[in-house]
Amino acid sequence: MENKVKIVIATHKQYAMPDDSMYIPLHVGASLHPELDLGYQKDNVGENISEKNNSYSELTGLYWAWKNLDADYIGLAHYRRHFGSKKRIGKERLAWIIKYTELAPLLGKYRVILPKKRHYYIETLYSHYEHTHYSNQLDATRRVIEKLYPDYLATYDQVLKQRSGYMFNMMIMQKDLLNDYCTWLFKILFALEKEIGASELSPFQQRFYGRVSEIIFNVWLQQQIKNGVIKTEEITELPLVYVEGVNWWKKGTAFLKAKFFHQRYENSF
């Protein structure tokens, strides 16, 4: 198992973590808080973009994993959100998180492992982003893709019209695919920084690079399928585990307020 799979868990605070050696709790944004020692691996060692955590969020953890880990499969999860076992026993949510013994048979059979798709039903990916964040960020992303990767533009337009997608910046992928994805992703995001420049946004809203990447992951994935690089049968989904549970009333109310009353999100749910 040592070099088979490693999954980093992006966190900015001490938190209950799964007891399985394939997981690496990763203190993201460590460069921004040098006085803080959580007792976890920090994302400001080796090649890193730790200082961008205020705007890139968990992507500083993805970048660190990409540049510094050596494993056949590399993954990203979050301290509150994890890949779940298909066999949930008991009420302890930490016990619902998938373990290596259950994940191992999927490796080799599948090249990409993702959380269940998120469905918006009454919103497209673009309109949901427009109502909850700032659509100019997606418009600027489109211009960047048109310039850097014009062959992806039709797929970008297609994805933004969809009502579902793989979200949360969570994935477990073969290292070669992760390398291709991260090379593509960070080239776009670094160019997007130059395109948009400084923005006067709330601390919650300024983390938009991480949110843009949630959407454009679907662009990259669908383009790989279209190009024959990845076959649909090489992709599988796992349940999503929220360690703290979800207040669906609060989440649903915020969703409807954003759509009908243009009240943008100012916190996570």
C-alpha atoms as a PDB file:
ATOM      1  CA  MET A   1       0.000   0.000   0.000  1.00  0.00           C
ATOM      2  CA  GLU A   2       2.934   2.348   0.678  1.00  0.00           C
ATOM      3  CA  ASN A   3       3.064   3.808  -2.837  1.00  0.00           C
ATOM      4  CA  LYS A   4      -0.344   2.652  -4.025  1.00  0.00           C
ATOM      5  CA  VAL A   5      -2.528   5.543  -2.875  1.00  0.00           C
ATOM      6  CA  LYS A   6      -2.217   8.693  -0.785  1.00  0.00           C
ATOM      7  CA  ILE A   7      -5.136  10.977  -0.003  1.00  0.00           C
ATOM      8  CA  VAL A   8      -4.465  14.383   1.510  1.00  0.00           C
ATOM      9  CA  ILE A   9      -7.095  15.847   3.822  1.00  0.00           C
ATOM     10  CA  ALA A  10      -7.083  19.627   3.536  1.00  0.00           C
ATOM     11  CA  THR A  11      -7.610  21.329   6.884  1.00  0.00           C
ATOM     12  CA  HIS A  12      -6.878  24.646   8.573  1.00  0.00           C
ATOM     13  CA  LYS A  13      -7.535  23.428  12.124  1.00  0.00           C
ATOM     14  CA  GLN A  14      -7.192  20.378  14.321  1.00  0.00           C
ATOM     15  CA  TYR A  15      -9.997  17.960  13.666  1.00  0.00           C
ATOM     16  CA  ALA A  16     -10.947  14.304  14.047  1.00  0.00           C
ATOM     17  CA  MET A  17      -9.216  12.393  11.245  1.00  0.00           C
ATOM     18  CA  PRO A  18      -9.697   8.867   9.855  1.00  0.00           C
ATOM     19  CA  ASP A  19      -7.355   6.271  11.296  1.00  0.00           C
ATOM     20  CA  ASP A  20      -5.901   4.865   8.089  1.00  0.00           C
ATOM     21  CA  SER A  21      -2.343   5.331   6.855  1.00  0.00           C
ATOM     22  CA  MET A  22      -3.395   6.191   3.288  1.00  0.00           C
ATOM     23  CA  TYR A  23      -4.662   9.541   4.601  1.00  0.00           C
ATOM     24  CA  ILE A  24      -2.370  12.536   5.115  1.00  0.00           C
ATOM     25  CA  PRO A  25      -3.926  15.394   7.143  1.00  0.00           C
ATOM     26  CA  LEU A  26      -2.519  18.525   5.500  1.00  0.00           C
ATOM     27  CA  HIS A  27      -2.402  21.965   7.085  1.00  0.00           C
ATOM     28  CA  VAL A  28      -3.308  24.202   4.134  1.00  0.00           C
ATOM     29  CA  GLY A  29      -2.322  27.855   4.132  1.00  0.00           C
ATOM     30  CA  ALA A  30       0.501  27.145   6.570  1.00  0.00           C
ATOM     31  CA  SER A  31       2.577  30.018   5.140  1.00  0.00           C
ATOM     32  CA  LEU A  32      -0.130  32.474   6.189  1.00  0.00           C
ATOM     33  CA  HIS A  33      -0.026  31.321   9.814  1.00  0.00           C
ATOM     34  CA  PRO A  34       3.592  30.439  10.646  1.00  0.00           C
ATOM     35  CA  GLU A  35       2.825  30.650  14.356  1.00  0.00           C
ATOM     36  CA  LEU A  36       0.300  27.800  14.088  1.00  0.00           C
ATOM     37  CA  ASP A  37       1.348  24.167  14.455  1.00  0.00           C
ATOM     38  CA  LEU A  38      -1.520  21.706  14.131  1.00  0.00           C
ATOM     39  CA  GLY A  39       0.739  18.683  14.283  1.00  0.00           C
ATOM     40  CA  TYR A  40      -0.047  17.845  10.654  1.00  0.00           C
ATOM     41  CA  GLN A  41       1.989  17.919   7.454  1.00  0.00           C
ATOM     42  CA  LYS A  42       2.185  21.537   6.240  1.00  0.00           C
ATOM     43  CA  ASP A  43       1.591  22.696   2.669  1.00  0.00           C
ATOM     44  CA  ASN A  44       4.447  25.217   2.728  1.00  0.00           C
ATOM     45  CA  VAL A  45       7.290  22.709   2.385  1.00  0.00           C
ATOM     46  CA  GLY A  46       8.670  21.540  -0.928  1.00  0.00           C
ATOM     47  CA  GLU A  47       7.233  23.090  -4.066  1.00  0.00           C
ATOM     48  CA  ASN A  48       4.057  24.867  -3.009  1.00  0.00           C
ATOM     49  CA  ILE A  49       1.604  27.764  -3.340  1.00  0.00           C
ATOM     50  CA  SER A  50       0.661  27.864   0.345  1.00  0.00           C
ATOM     51  CA  GLU A  51       0.547  31.677   0.363  1.00  0.00           C
ATOM     52  CA  LYS A  52      -2.406  31.597  -2.059  1.00  0.00           C
ATOM     53  CA  ASN A  53      -4.672  29.728   0.363  1.00  0.00           C
ATOM     54  CA  ASN A  54      -6.902  32.743   1.091  1.00  0.00           C
ATOM     55  CA  SER A  55      -8.079  32.672  -2.518  1.00  0.00           C
ATOM     56  CA  TYR A  56      -7.265  29.119  -3.668  1.00  0.00           C
ATOM     57  CA  SER A  57      -8.616  27.377  -0.551  1.00  0.00           C
ATOM     58  CA  GLU A  58      -8.024  23.576  -0.629  1.00  0.00           C
ATOM     59  CA  LEU A  59      -6.262  23.865  -3.986  1.00  0.00           C
ATOM     60  CA  THR A  60      -3.028  24.721  -2.177  1.00  0.00           C
ATOM     61  CA  GLY A  61      -3.335  21.194  -0.787  1.00  0.00           C
ATOM     62  CA  LEU A  62      -3.939  19.736  -4.238  1.00  0.00           C
ATOM     63  CA  TYR A  63      -0.900  21.592  -5.586  1.00  0.00           C
ATOM     64  CA  TRP A  64       1.259  20.331  -2.715  1.00  0.00           C
ATOM     65  CA  ALA A  65       0.110  16.734  -3.267  1.00  0.00           C
ATOM     66  CA  TRP A  66       0.761  17.017  -7.013  1.00  0.00           C
ATOM     67  CA  LYS A  67       4.277  18.340  -6.562  1.00  0.00           C
ATOM     68  CA  ASN A  68       5.408  16.415  -3.492  1.00  0.00           C
ATOM     69  CA  LEU A  69       3.737  12.999  -3.281  1.00  0.00           C
ATOM     70  CA  ASP A  70       4.812   9.828  -5.037  1.00  0.00           C
ATOM     71  CA  ALA A  71       2.038   7.260  -5.329  1.00  0.00           C
ATOM     72  CA  ASP A  72       0.175   5.405  -8.055  1.00  0.00           C
ATOM     73  CA  TYR A  73      -3.021   7.204  -7.046  1.00  0.00           C
ATOM     74  CA  ILE A  74      -3.289  10.598  -5.364  1.00  0.00           C
ATOM     75  CA  GLY A  75      -6.451  12.056  -3.864  1.00  0.00           C
ATOM     76  CA  LEU A  76      -7.871  15.109  -2.150  1.00  0.00           C
ATOM     77  CA  ALA A  77     -10.529  15.205   0.560  1.00  0.00           C
ATOM     78  CA  HIS A  78     -11.542  17.783   3.205  1.00  0.00           C
ATOM     79  CA  TYR A  79     -11.619  17.686   6.965  1.00  0.00           C
ATOM     80  CA  ARG A  80     -15.446  17.910   6.891  1.00  0.00           C
ATOM     81  CA  ARG A  81     -16.096  16.017   3.639  1.00  0.00           C
ATOM     82  CA  HIS A  82     -14.757  12.590   2.760  1.00  0.00           C
ATOM     83  CA  PHE A  83     -15.175   9.696   0.374  1.00  0.00           C
ATOM     84  CA  GLY A  84     -17.556   7.287   2.025  1.00  0.00           C
ATOM     85  CA  SER A  85     -17.759   3.544   2.383  1.00  0.00           C
ATOM     86  CA  LYS A  86     -20.653   1.849   0.644  1.00  0.00           C
ATOM     87  CA  LYS A  87     -21.181  -0.066   3.895  1.00  0.00           C
ATOM     88  CA  ARG A  88     -22.182   2.320   6.658  1.00  0.00           C
ATOM     89  CA  ILE A  89     -22.356   0.755  10.093  1.00  0.00           C
ATOM     90  CA  GLY A  90     -23.380   2.580  13.244  1.00  0.00           C
ATOM     91  CA  LYS A  91     -23.919   6.305  13.794  1.00  0.00           C
ATOM     92  CA  GLU A  92     -20.296   7.449  14.046  1.00  0.00           C
ATOM     93  CA  ARG A  93     -19.668   9.354  10.825  1.00  0.00           C
ATOM     94  CA  LEU A  94     -15.880   8.949  10.970  1.00  0.00           C
ATOM     95  CA  ALA A  95     -16.472   5.211  10.679  1.00  0.00           C
ATOM     96  CA  TRP A  96     -18.329   5.802   7.397  1.00  0.00           C
ATOM     97  CA  ILE A  97     -15.173   7.089   5.677  1.00  0.00           C
ATOM     98  CA  ILE A  98     -13.737   4.603   3.200  1.00  0.00           C
ATOM     99  CA  LYS A  99     -10.704   2.610   4.319  1.00  0.00           C
ATOM    100  CA  TYR A 100      -7.864   1.245   2.239  1.00  0.00           C
ATOM    101  CA  THR A 101      -9.195  -2.306   2.412  1.00  0.00           C
ATOM    102  CA  GLU A 102     -12.371  -1.224   0.599  1.00  0.00           C
ATOM    103  CA  LEU A 103     -10.676   1.243  -1.761  1.00  0.00           C
ATOM    104  CA  ALA A 104      -7.858  -1.087  -2.864  1.00  0.00           C
ATOM    105  CA  PRO A 105      -9.998  -3.320  -5.155  1.00  0.00           C
ATOM    106  CA  LEU A 106     -11.136  -0.190  -7.042  1.00  0.00           C
ATOM    107  CA  LEU A 107      -7.576   0.853  -7.847  1.00  0.00           C
ATOM    108  CA  GLY A 108      -6.465  -0.460 -11.200  1.00  0.00           C
ATOM    109  CA  LYS A 109     -10.061  -1.183 -12.169  1.00  0.00           C
ATOM    110  CA  TYR A 110     -10.842   2.559 -12.217  1.00  0.00           C
ATOM    111  CA  ARG A 111      -8.558   5.453 -13.090  1.00  0.00           C
ATOM    112  CA  VAL A 112     -10.766   8.189 -11.612  1.00  0.00           C
ATOM    113  CA  ILE A 113     -12.768   7.957  -8.378  1.00  0.00           C
ATOM    114  CA  LEU A 114     -15.138  10.808  -7.548  1.00  0.00           C
ATOM    115  CA  PRO A 115     -17.826  11.748  -5.026  1.00  0.00           C
ATOM    116  CA  LYS A 116     -21.428  11.401  -6.150  1.00  0.00           C
ATOM    117  CA  LYS A 117     -22.506  14.077  -8.604  1.00  0.00           C
ATOM    118  CA  ARG A 118     -24.256  17.111  -7.177  1.00  0.00           C
ATOM    119  CA  HIS A 119     -27.602  17.995  -8.798  1.00  0.00           C
ATOM    120  CA  TYR A 120     -29.070  21.507  -8.794  1.00  0.00           C
ATOM    121  CA  TYR A 121     -32.267  20.695 -10.736  1.00  0.00           C
ATOM    122  CA  ILE A 122     -33.639  24.267 -11.017  1.00  0.00           C
ATOM    123  CA  GLU A 123     -30.258  25.854 -11.722  1.00  0.00           C
ATOM    124  CA  THR A 124     -27.528  25.431 -14.287  1.00  0.00           C
ATOM    125  CA  LEU A 125     -23.954  25.477 -13.036  1.00  0.00           C
ATOM    126  CA  TYR A 126     -23.638  28.989 -14.449  1.00  0.00           C
ATOM    127  CA  SER A 127     -26.858  30.393 -12.986  1.00  0.00           C
ATOM    128  CA  HIS A 128     -26.163  28.839  -9.581  1.00  0.00           C
ATOM    129  CA  TYR A 129     -22.710  30.438  -9.524  1.00  0.00           C
ATOM    130  CA  GLU A 130     -24.170  33.725 -10.749  1.00  0.00           C
ATOM    131  CA  HIS A 131     -26.672  33.788  -7.896  1.00  0.00           C
ATOM    132  CA  THR A 132     -24.329  32.641  -5.126  1.00  0.00           C
ATOM    133  CA  HIS A 133     -21.016  34.221  -6.205  1.00  0.00           C
ATOM    134  CA  TYR A 134     -19.955  36.538  -9.076  1.00  0.00           C
ATOM    135  CA  SER A 135     -20.480  35.461 -12.675  1.00  0.00           C
ATOM    136  CA  ASN A 136     -17.744  37.755 -14.017  1.00  0.00           C
ATOM    137  CA  GLN A 137     -15.294  35.184 -12.595  1.00  0.00           C
ATOM    138  CA  LEU A 138     -16.712  32.499 -14.876  1.00  0.00           C
ATOM    139  CA  ASP A 139     -16.799  34.912 -17.816  1.00  0.00           C
ATOM    140  CA  ALA A 140     -13.116  35.695 -17.264  1.00  0.00           C
ATOM    141  CA  THR A 141     -12.369  31.976 -16.986  1.00  0.00           C
ATOM    142  CA  ARG A 142     -13.996  31.437 -20.353  1.00  0.00           C
ATOM    143  CA  ARG A 143     -11.763  34.088 -21.919  1.00  0.00           C
ATOM    144  CA  VAL A 144      -8.680  32.440 -20.422  1.00  0.00           C
ATOM    145  CA  ILE A 145      -9.687  29.006 -21.696  1.00  0.00           C
ATOM    146  CA  GLU A 146     -10.444  30.447 -25.114  1.00  0.00           C
ATOM    147  CA  LYS A 147      -6.903  31.822 -25.216  1.00  0.00           C
ATOM    148  CA  LEU A 148      -4.964  28.943 -23.635  1.00  0.00           C
ATOM    149  CA  TYR A 149      -7.052  25.886 -24.521  1.00  0.00           C
ATOM    150  CA  PRO A 150      -9.452  26.846 -27.355  1.00  0.00           C
ATOM    151  CA  ASP A 151     -10.284  23.192 -28.049  1.00  0.00           C
ATOM    152  CA  TYR A 152     -11.888  23.057 -24.577  1.00  0.00           C
ATOM    153  CA  LEU A 153     -14.194  26.014 -25.205  1.00  0.00           C
ATOM    154  CA  ALA A 154     -17.185  24.070 -26.547  1.00  0.00           C
ATOM    155  CA  THR A 155     -16.971  21.697 -23.585  1.00  0.00           C
ATOM    156  CA  TYR A 156     -16.771  24.670 -21.210  1.00  0.00           C
ATOM    157  CA  ASP A 157     -19.967  26.133 -22.670  1.00  0.00           C
ATOM    158  CA  GLN A 158     -21.654  22.745 -22.477  1.00  0.00           C
ATOM    159  CA  VAL A 159     -20.693  22.187 -18.830  1.00  0.00           C
ATOM    160  CA  LEU A 160     -21.908  25.619 -17.715  1.00  0.00           C
ATOM    161  CA  LYS A 161     -25.365  24.778 -19.101  1.00  0.00           C
ATOM    162  CA  GLN A 162     -25.560  21.531 -17.142  1.00  0.00           C
ATOM    163  CA  ARG A 163     -27.582  21.146 -13.954  1.00  0.00           C
ATOM    164  CA  SER A 164     -25.189  18.728 -12.281  1.00  0.00           C
ATOM    165  CA  GLY A 165     -21.488  18.149 -11.859  1.00  0.00           C
ATOM    166  CA  TYR A 166     -18.695  16.743  -9.725  1.00  0.00           C
ATOM    167  CA  MET A 167     -18.045  19.340  -7.061  1.00  0.00           C
ATOM    168  CA  PHE A 168     -16.010  19.925  -3.887  1.00  0.00           C
ATOM    169  CA  ASN A 169     -12.559  19.560  -5.519  1.00  0.00           C
ATOM    170  CA  MET A 170     -12.511  15.937  -4.423  1.00  0.00           C
ATOM    171  CA  MET A 171     -10.933  13.221  -6.524  1.00  0.00           C
ATOM    172  CA  ILE A 172      -8.724  10.154  -6.400  1.00  0.00           C
ATOM    173  CA  MET A 173      -6.854   9.722  -9.682  1.00  0.00           C
ATOM    174  CA  GLN A 174      -3.950   7.911 -11.216  1.00  0.00           C
ATOM    175  CA  LYS A 175      -0.841  10.046 -10.886  1.00  0.00           C
ATOM    176  CA  ASP A 176      -0.454  10.567 -14.637  1.00  0.00           C
ATOM    177  CA  LEU A 177      -4.018  11.872 -14.927  1.00  0.00           C
ATOM    178  CA  LEU A 178      -3.589  14.081 -11.868  1.00  0.00           C
ATOM    179  CA  ASN A 179      -0.444  15.510 -13.437  1.00  0.00           C
ATOM    180  CA  ASP A 180      -2.321  16.299 -16.646  1.00  0.00           C
ATOM    181  CA  TYR A 181      -5.242  17.837 -14.763  1.00  0.00           C
ATOM    182  CA  CYS A 182      -3.136  19.968 -12.427  1.00  0.00           C
ATOM    183  CA  THR A 183      -0.930  21.210 -15.270  1.00  0.00           C
ATOM    184  CA  TRP A 184      -4.085  22.306 -17.112  1.00  0.00           C
ATOM    185  CA  LEU A 185      -5.867  23.683 -14.032  1.00  0.00           C
ATOM    186  CA  PHE A 186      -3.118  25.799 -12.529  1.00  0.00           C
ATOM    187  CA  LYS A 187      -2.103  27.251 -15.881  1.00  0.00           C
ATOM    188  CA  ILE A 188      -5.682  28.508 -16.187  1.00  0.00           C
ATOM    189  CA  LEU A 189      -5.913  29.784 -12.614  1.00  0.00           C
ATOM    190  CA  PHE A 190      -2.576  31.613 -12.705  1.00  0.00           C
ATOM    191  CA  ALA A 191      -3.685  33.297 -15.939  1.00  0.00           C
ATOM    192  CA  LEU A 192      -7.063  34.084 -14.366  1.00  0.00           C
ATOM    193  CA  GLU A 193      -5.300  35.926 -11.542  1.00  0.00           C
ATOM    194  CA  LYS A 194      -3.725  38.210 -14.130  1.00  0.00           C
ATOM    195  CA  GLU A 195      -7.028  38.583 -15.978  1.00  0.00           C
ATOM    196  CA  ILE A 196      -9.112  39.589 -12.963  1.00  0.00           C
ATOM    197  CA  GLY A 197      -6.543  41.314 -10.791  1.00  0.00           C
ATOM    198  CA  ALA A 198      -7.261  42.388  -7.235  1.00  0.00           C
ATOM    199  CA  SER A 199     -10.898  42.293  -6.125  1.00  0.00           C
ATOM    200  CA  GLU A 200     -12.610  43.851  -3.113  1.00  0.00           C
ATOM    201  CA  LEU A 201     -14.468  40.801  -1.851  1.00  0.00           C
ATOM    202  CA  SER A 202     -15.387  39.382   1.528  1.00  0.00           C
ATOM    203  CA  PRO A 203     -13.035  36.738   2.950  1.00  0.00           C
ATOM    204  CA  PHE A 204     -15.584  34.062   1.999  1.00  0.00           C
ATOM    205  CA  GLN A 205     -16.085  35.300  -1.557  1.00  0.00           C
ATOM    206  CA  GLN A 206     -12.394  35.877  -2.256  1.00  0.00           C
ATOM    207  CA  ARG A 207     -11.845  32.113  -2.257  1.00  0.00           C
ATOM    208  CA  PHE A 208     -13.308  31.988  -5.754  1.00  0.00           C
ATOM    209  CA  TYR A 209     -10.366  30.275  -7.465  1.00  0.00           C
ATOM    210  CA  GLY A 210     -11.253  27.146  -5.533  1.00  0.00           C
ATOM    211  CA  ARG A 211     -14.879  27.496  -6.622  1.00  0.00           C
ATOM    212  CA  VAL A 212     -14.051  28.065 -10.274  1.00  0.00           C
ATOM    213  CA  SER A 213     -11.948  24.901 -10.203  1.00  0.00           C
ATOM    214  CA  GLU A 214     -14.916  22.864  -8.939  1.00  0.00           C
ATOM    215  CA  ILE A 215     -16.737  23.693 -12.152  1.00  0.00           C
ATOM    216  CA  ILE A 216     -13.898  23.452 -14.615  1.00  0.00           C
ATOM    217  CA  PHE A 217     -12.847  20.049 -13.296  1.00  0.00           C
ATOM    218  CA  ASN A 218     -15.953  18.857 -15.130  1.00  0.00           C
ATOM    219  CA  VAL A 219     -14.722  20.608 -18.278  1.00  0.00           C
ATOM    220  CA  TRP A 220     -11.382  18.817 -18.095  1.00  0.00           C
ATOM    221  CA  LEU A 221     -12.974  15.445 -17.343  1.00  0.00           C
ATOM    222  CA  GLN A 222     -15.556  15.645 -20.117  1.00  0.00           C
ATOM    223  CA  GLN A 223     -12.875  16.720 -22.588  1.00  0.00           C
ATOM    224  CA  GLN A 224     -10.748  13.691 -21.665  1.00  0.00           C
ATOM    225  CA  ILE A 225     -13.755  11.449 -22.290  1.00  0.00           C
ATOM    226  CA  LYS A 226     -14.454  13.210 -25.584  1.00  0.00           C
ATOM    227  CA  ASN A 227     -10.813  12.784 -26.653  1.00  0.00           C
ATOM    228  CA  GLY A 228     -10.742   9.115 -25.654  1.00  0.00           C
ATOM    229  CA  VAL A 229      -8.104   9.652 -22.942  1.00  0.00           C
ATOM    230  CA  ILE A 230     -10.469   8.378 -20.236  1.00  0.00           C
ATOM    231  CA  LYS A 231     -13.285   5.912 -20.811  1.00  0.00           C
ATOM    232  CA  THR A 232     -16.527   6.343 -18.891  1.00  0.00           C
ATOM    233  CA  GLU A 233     -16.155   2.816 -17.504  1.00  0.00           C
ATOM    234  CA  GLU A 234     -12.824   3.904 -15.942  1.00  0.00           C
ATOM    235  CA  ILE A 235     -14.673   6.376 -13.691  1.00  0.00           C
ATOM    236  CA  THR A 236     -16.599   5.436 -10.571  1.00  0.00           C
ATOM    237  CA  GLU A 237     -18.367   7.284  -7.784  1.00  0.00           C
ATOM    238  CA  LEU A 238     -18.339   6.905  -4.012  1.00  0.00           C
ATOM    239  CA  PRO A 239     -20.774   8.283  -1.449  1.00  0.00           C
ATOM    240  CA  LEU A 240     -19.975  11.608   0.188  1.00  0.00           C
ATOM    241  CA  VAL A 241     -19.634  11.736   3.977  1.00  0.00           C
ATOM    242  CA  TYR A 242     -20.206  15.001   5.823  1.00  0.00           C
ATOM    243  CA  VAL A 243     -18.513  14.493   9.167  1.00  0.00           C
ATOM    244  CA  GLU A 244     -20.660  17.191  10.819  1.00  0.00           C
ATOM    245  CA  GLY A 245     -23.838  16.310   8.945  1.00  0.00           C
ATOM    246  CA  VAL A 246     -25.762  18.852   6.869  1.00  0.00           C
ATOM    247  CA  ASN A 247     -28.430  21.324   7.944  1.00  0.00           C
ATOM    248  CA  TRP A 248     -30.565  20.838   4.842  1.00  0.00           C
ATOM    249  CA  TRP A 249     -33.102  23.459   5.932  1.00  0.00           C
ATOM    250  CA  LYS A 250     -30.405  26.112   6.244  1.00  0.00           C
ATOM    251  CA  LYS A 251     -28.723  24.988   3.035  1.00  0.00           C
ATOM    252  CA  GLY A 252     -31.971  24.873   1.062  1.00  0.00           C
ATOM    253  CA  THR A 253     -33.113  28.262   2.363  1.00  0.00           C
ATOM    254  CA  ALA A 254     -29.811  29.854   1.361  1.00  0.00           C
ATOM    255  CA  PHE A 255     -30.068  28.234  -2.077  1.00  0.00           C
ATOM    256  CA  LEU A 256     -33.559  29.680  -2.665  1.00  0.00           C
ATOM    257  CA  LYS A 257     -32.622  33.116  -1.301  1.00  0.00           C
ATOM    258  CA  ALA A 258     -29.683  33.202  -3.707  1.00  0.00           C
ATOM    259  CA  LYS A 259     -31.816  32.220  -6.695  1.00  0.00           C
ATOM    260  CA  PHE A 260     -34.863  34.396  -6.081  1.00  0.00           C
ATOM    261  CA  PHE A 261     -33.567  37.269  -3.934  1.00  0.00           C
ATOM    262  CA  HIS A 262     -29.948  37.511  -5.140  1.00  0.00           C
ATOM    263  CA  GLN A 263     -28.494  37.001  -1.658  1.00  0.00           C
ATOM    264  CA  ARG A 264     -25.009  35.630  -2.278  1.00  0.00           C
ATOM    265  CA  TYR A 265     -23.478  33.038   0.015  1.00  0.00           C
ATOM    266  CA  GLU A 266     -21.258  34.310   2.810  1.00  0.00           C
ATOM    267  CA  ASN A 267     -20.470  31.050   4.540  1.00  0.00           C
ATOM    268  CA  SER A 268     -20.174  27.333   3.867  1.00  0.00           C
ATOM    269  CA  PHE A 269     -22.893  24.826   4.664  1.00  0.00           C
END
